[in-house]
Each structure stands twice: as structure tokens, then as C-alpha cells.
C-alpha atoms as a PDB file:
ATOM      1  CA  GLU A   1      74.762 -44.767  12.257  1.00  0.00           C
ATOM      2  CA  GLU A   2      74.574 -45.110   8.476  1.00  0.00           C
ATOM      3  CA  ALA A   3      73.357 -48.697   8.752  1.00  0.00           C
ATOM      4  CA  LEU A   4      70.797 -48.004  11.482  1.00  0.00           C
ATOM      5  CA  PHE A   5      69.228 -44.804  10.195  1.00  0.00           C
ATOM      6  CA  PRO A   6      67.264 -46.408   7.305  1.00  0.00           C
ATOM      7  CA  LEU A   7      65.840 -49.000   9.713  1.00  0.00           C
ATOM      8  CA  VAL A   8      64.926 -46.324  12.213  1.00  0.00           C
ATOM      9  CA  GLU A   9      63.201 -44.266   9.537  1.00  0.00           C
ATOM     10  CA  SER A  10      61.297 -47.342   8.383  1.00  0.00           C
ATOM     11  CA  ILE A  11      60.007 -48.026  11.897  1.00  0.00           C
ATOM     12  CA  LEU A  12      59.009 -44.386  12.360  1.00  0.00           C
ATOM     13  CA  VAL A  13      57.242 -44.191   8.994  1.00  0.00           C
ATOM     14  CA  ARG A  14      55.363 -47.460   9.511  1.00  0.00           C
ATOM     15  CA  ASP A  15      54.481 -46.410  13.067  1.00  0.00           C
ATOM     16  CA  VAL A  16      55.414 -49.767  14.576  1.00  0.00           C
ATOM     17  CA  SER A  17      54.367 -48.807  18.099  1.00  0.00           C
ATOM     18  CA  GLU A  18      56.009 -51.812  19.752  1.00  0.00           C
ATOM     19  CA  PHE A  19      59.459 -50.631  18.653  1.00  0.00           C
ATOM     20  CA  LEU A  20      59.052 -46.869  19.005  1.00  0.00           C
ATOM     21  CA  PRO A  21      60.443 -46.570  22.568  1.00  0.00           C
ATOM     22  CA  TYR A  22      63.527 -48.540  21.531  1.00  0.00           C
ATOM     23  CA  VAL A  23      63.987 -46.409  18.430  1.00  0.00           C
ATOM     24  CA  PHE A  24      63.778 -43.236  20.528  1.00  0.00           C
ATOM     25  CA  GLN A  25      66.341 -44.624  22.978  1.00  0.00           C
ATOM     26  CA  LEU A  26      68.654 -45.599  20.143  1.00  0.00           C
ATOM     27  CA  LEU A  27      68.316 -42.177  18.504  1.00  0.00           C
ATOM     28  CA  SER A  28      69.086 -40.421  21.771  1.00  0.00           C
ATOM     29  CA  LEU A  29      72.244 -42.480  22.239  1.00  0.00           C
ATOM     30  CA  LEU A  30      73.359 -41.849  18.666  1.00  0.00           C
ATOM     31  CA  LEU A  31      72.685 -38.147  19.051  1.00  0.00           C
ATOM     32  CA  GLU A  32      74.586 -37.965  22.340  1.00  0.00           C
ATOM     33  CA  ILE A  33      77.744 -39.548  20.905  1.00  0.00           C
ATOM     34  CA  ARG A  34      77.617 -37.846  17.498  1.00  0.00           C
ATOM     35  CA  PRO A  35      80.115 -35.046  16.884  1.00  0.00           C
ATOM     36  CA  LEU A  36      78.704 -31.592  16.328  1.00  0.00           C
ATOM     37  CA  PRO A  37      77.030 -30.198  14.288  1.00  0.00           C
ATOM     38  CA  ILE A  38      73.904 -32.317  14.220  1.00  0.00           C
ATOM     39  CA  SER A  39      73.098 -33.623  10.781  1.00  0.00           C
ATOM     40  CA  PRO A  40      69.955 -32.453   8.971  1.00  0.00           C
ATOM     41  CA  ALA A  41      68.647 -36.036   9.139  1.00  0.00           C
ATOM     42  CA  TYR A  42      68.291 -35.740  12.919  1.00  0.00           C
ATOM     43  CA  MET A  43      66.789 -32.282  12.718  1.00  0.00           C
ATOM     44  CA  SER A  44      64.192 -33.537  10.229  1.00  0.00           C
ATOM     45  CA  ILE A  45      62.970 -36.006  12.870  1.00  0.00           C
ATOM     46  CA  TYR A  46      62.626 -33.361  15.588  1.00  0.00           C
ATOM     47  CA  PRO A  47      59.224 -31.879  14.584  1.00  0.00           C
ATOM     48  CA  HIS A  48      57.672 -35.349  14.539  1.00  0.00           C
ATOM     49  CA  LEU A  49      58.712 -35.902  18.153  1.00  0.00           C
ATOM     50  CA  LEU A  50      56.343 -33.158  19.243  1.00  0.00           C
ATOM     51  CA  THR A  51      53.205 -34.735  17.785  1.00  0.00           C
ATOM     52  CA  PRO A  52      50.607 -35.462  20.488  1.00  0.00           C
ATOM     53  CA  VAL A  53      49.964 -39.015  19.239  1.00  0.00           C
ATOM     54  CA  LEU A  54      53.453 -40.119  20.300  1.00  0.00           C
ATOM     55  CA  TRP A  55      52.945 -38.726  23.790  1.00  0.00           C
ATOM     56  CA  GLU A  56      49.686 -40.646  24.325  1.00  0.00           C
ATOM     57  CA  GLN A  57      51.573 -43.943  24.668  1.00  0.00           C
ATOM     58  CA  ASN A  58      52.958 -44.107  28.220  1.00  0.00           C
ATOM     59  CA  GLY A  59      55.784 -46.391  27.098  1.00  0.00           C
ATOM     60  CA  ASN A  60      57.111 -43.728  24.731  1.00  0.00           C
ATOM     61  CA  ILE A  61      57.372 -40.951  27.291  1.00  0.00           C
ATOM     62  CA  PRO A  62      60.696 -41.761  29.031  1.00  0.00           C
ATOM     63  CA  ALA A  63      62.435 -42.418  25.716  1.00  0.00           C
ATOM     64  CA  LEU A  64      60.946 -39.311  24.076  1.00  0.00           C
ATOM     65  CA  VAL A  65      62.015 -37.133  26.997  1.00  0.00           C
ATOM     66  CA  ARG A  66      65.540 -38.495  26.800  1.00  0.00           C
ATOM     67  CA  LEU A  67      65.628 -37.867  23.052  1.00  0.00           C
ATOM     68  CA  LEU A  68      64.362 -34.303  23.484  1.00  0.00           C
ATOM     69  CA  GLN A  69      66.980 -33.769  26.185  1.00  0.00           C
ATOM     70  CA  ALA A  70      69.658 -34.943  23.743  1.00  0.00           C
ATOM     71  CA  PHE A  71      68.392 -32.457  21.141  1.00  0.00           C
ATOM     72  CA  ILE A  72      68.394 -29.644  23.706  1.00  0.00           C
ATOM     73  CA  GLU A  73      71.893 -30.490  24.933  1.00  0.00           C
ATOM     74  CA  ARG A  74      73.442 -30.985  21.497  1.00  0.00           C
ATOM     75  CA  ALA A  75      71.646 -28.264  19.516  1.00  0.00           C
ATOM     76  CA  PRO A  76      70.355 -25.604  21.894  1.00  0.00           C
ATOM     77  CA  GLY A  77      70.641 -22.947  19.182  1.00  0.00           C
ATOM     78  CA  ASP A  78      68.341 -24.873  16.842  1.00  0.00           C
ATOM     79  CA  ILE A  79      65.875 -25.689  19.594  1.00  0.00           C
ATOM     80  CA  ALA A  80      65.848 -22.196  21.096  1.00  0.00           C
ATOM     81  CA  VAL A  81      63.451 -20.768  18.547  1.00  0.00           C
ATOM     82  CA  ALA A  82      60.396 -19.319  20.283  1.00  0.00           C
ATOM     83  CA  GLU A  83      57.947 -21.724  18.612  1.00  0.00           C
ATOM     84  CA  LYS A  84      60.016 -24.768  19.571  1.00  0.00           C
ATOM     85  CA  ILE A  85      60.402 -23.585  23.160  1.00  0.00           C
ATOM     86  CA  MET A  86      56.643 -23.140  23.400  1.00  0.00           C
ATOM     87  CA  ASN A  87      56.143 -26.706  22.135  1.00  0.00           C
ATOM     88  CA  LEU A  88      58.600 -28.046  24.712  1.00  0.00           C
ATOM     89  CA  LEU A  89      56.920 -26.079  27.482  1.00  0.00           C
ATOM     90  CA  GLY A  90      53.577 -27.499  26.377  1.00  0.00           C
ATOM     91  CA  ILE A  91      54.995 -31.007  26.690  1.00  0.00           C
ATOM     92  CA  PHE A  92      56.358 -30.060  30.119  1.00  0.00           C
ATOM     93  CA  GLN A  93      52.870 -28.939  31.230  1.00  0.00           C
ATOM     94  CA  LYS A  94      51.319 -32.157  29.957  1.00  0.00           C
ATOM     95  CA  LEU A  95      53.889 -34.270  31.788  1.00  0.00           C
ATOM     96  CA  ILE A  96      53.653 -32.510  35.133  1.00  0.00           C
ATOM     97  CA  ALA A  97      49.883 -32.882  35.039  1.00  0.00           C
ATOM     98  CA  SER A  98      50.415 -36.636  35.370  1.00  0.00           C
ATOM     99  CA  LYS A  99      51.595 -38.124  38.671  1.00  0.00           C
ATOM    100  CA  SER A 100      53.304 -40.963  36.846  1.00  0.00           C
ATOM    101  CA  HIS A 101      55.271 -38.680  34.481  1.00  0.00           C
ATOM    102  CA  ASP A 102      55.799 -35.457  36.404  1.00  0.00           C
ATOM    103  CA  HIS A 103      59.474 -36.296  36.995  1.00  0.00           C
ATOM    104  CA  GLU A 104      59.963 -36.641  33.220  1.00  0.00           C
ATOM    105  CA  GLY A 105      58.580 -33.138  32.805  1.00  0.00           C
ATOM    106  CA  PHE A 106      61.114 -31.800  35.278  1.00  0.00           C
ATOM    107  CA  TYR A 107      63.940 -33.601  33.414  1.00  0.00           C
ATOM    108  CA  LEU A 108      62.855 -31.771  30.277  1.00  0.00           C
ATOM    109  CA  LEU A 109      62.593 -28.417  32.042  1.00  0.00           C
ATOM    110  CA  SER A 110      66.004 -28.907  33.665  1.00  0.00           C
ATOM    111  CA  SER A 111      67.587 -29.472  30.262  1.00  0.00           C
ATOM    112  CA  LEU A 112      65.976 -26.307  28.922  1.00  0.00           C
ATOM    113  CA  VAL A 113      67.160 -24.204  31.860  1.00  0.00           C
ATOM    114  CA  GLU A 114      70.650 -25.701  31.729  1.00  0.00           C
ATOM    115  CA  HIS A 115      71.321 -25.484  27.986  1.00  0.00           C
ATOM    116  CA  VAL A 116      69.169 -22.736  26.490  1.00  0.00           C
ATOM    117  CA  SER A 117      70.179 -19.100  26.875  1.00  0.00           C
ATOM    118  CA  PRO A 118      68.322 -17.397  29.744  1.00  0.00           C
ATOM    119  CA  ASP A 119      67.475 -14.509  27.419  1.00  0.00           C
ATOM    120  CA  LEU A 120      65.430 -16.863  25.255  1.00  0.00           C
ATOM    121  CA  LEU A 121      63.609 -18.382  28.220  1.00  0.00           C
ATOM    122  CA  LEU A 122      62.911 -15.079  29.992  1.00  0.00           C
ATOM    123  CA  PRO A 123      59.739 -14.250  27.997  1.00  0.00           C
ATOM    124  CA  HIS A 124      58.230 -17.557  29.169  1.00  0.00           C
ATOM    125  CA  TYR A 125      58.735 -16.929  32.890  1.00  0.00           C
ATOM    126  CA  LYS A 126      55.648 -15.834  34.777  1.00  0.00           C
END
């Protein structure tokens, strides 16, 4: 992890779009096997994952969804802030609007329902 993180940050900062899906997959694997609590280095990446530009590339979507699922599963308390839930629900709406990515949206929603406290999700039910 210590050896890979500087390379990952370099790819993210330079916005090397060819490698971004692989970086997201690698980060999700590292996050899934990392002992709790999640380091601040991972949490500093989280807000950048919600930027619309990343979601415009179809190749990024499966890897981004998996990475967001890893964040939700490993740090539901950090993710369960109202603003962050709204951002995730916005991504869910964008994904289900697309026939080719609707299943990814449901993966994301399933992770939210499974790992985030129902009390925090209740205000978003309609």
C-alpha cells in the first residue's frame, strides 16, 4: 500500500484517463483488505470520486461503483453524512437513467441500504 499510493496519486493528479479504471479497481481492493479504521489518505480521495467528469467516461463507471461500495462498506459512519448520501443518491439516479449502467446504480443503492443506518436513509425515502 505504501509503495502503490504515491503512484496512484500521481495518476489521479495527472488525470491519465487510460489508467483511471485500473486505479479505481486497485483502490477498491486495497480498501477492502485494509484493517479499520480507514486512513485519512483514502478519505481525502473520496470527494474527488463524486466529480461528474469521472462519471462521464463509461469505462470508469464499474470501477467507481465498486470503489464507492468499498467506502460505504468500510466506513458507513463517514459516508452517512446527509450531504454525502445526497451525492451518492444523485449518482444512483444518473446510473439508473442509463440502460447500460442501471445495474451499477442498483449495486450502489444496495450497499447504501445494507450498510448505512436506516435512520439516516429515512429522510430520503419518498
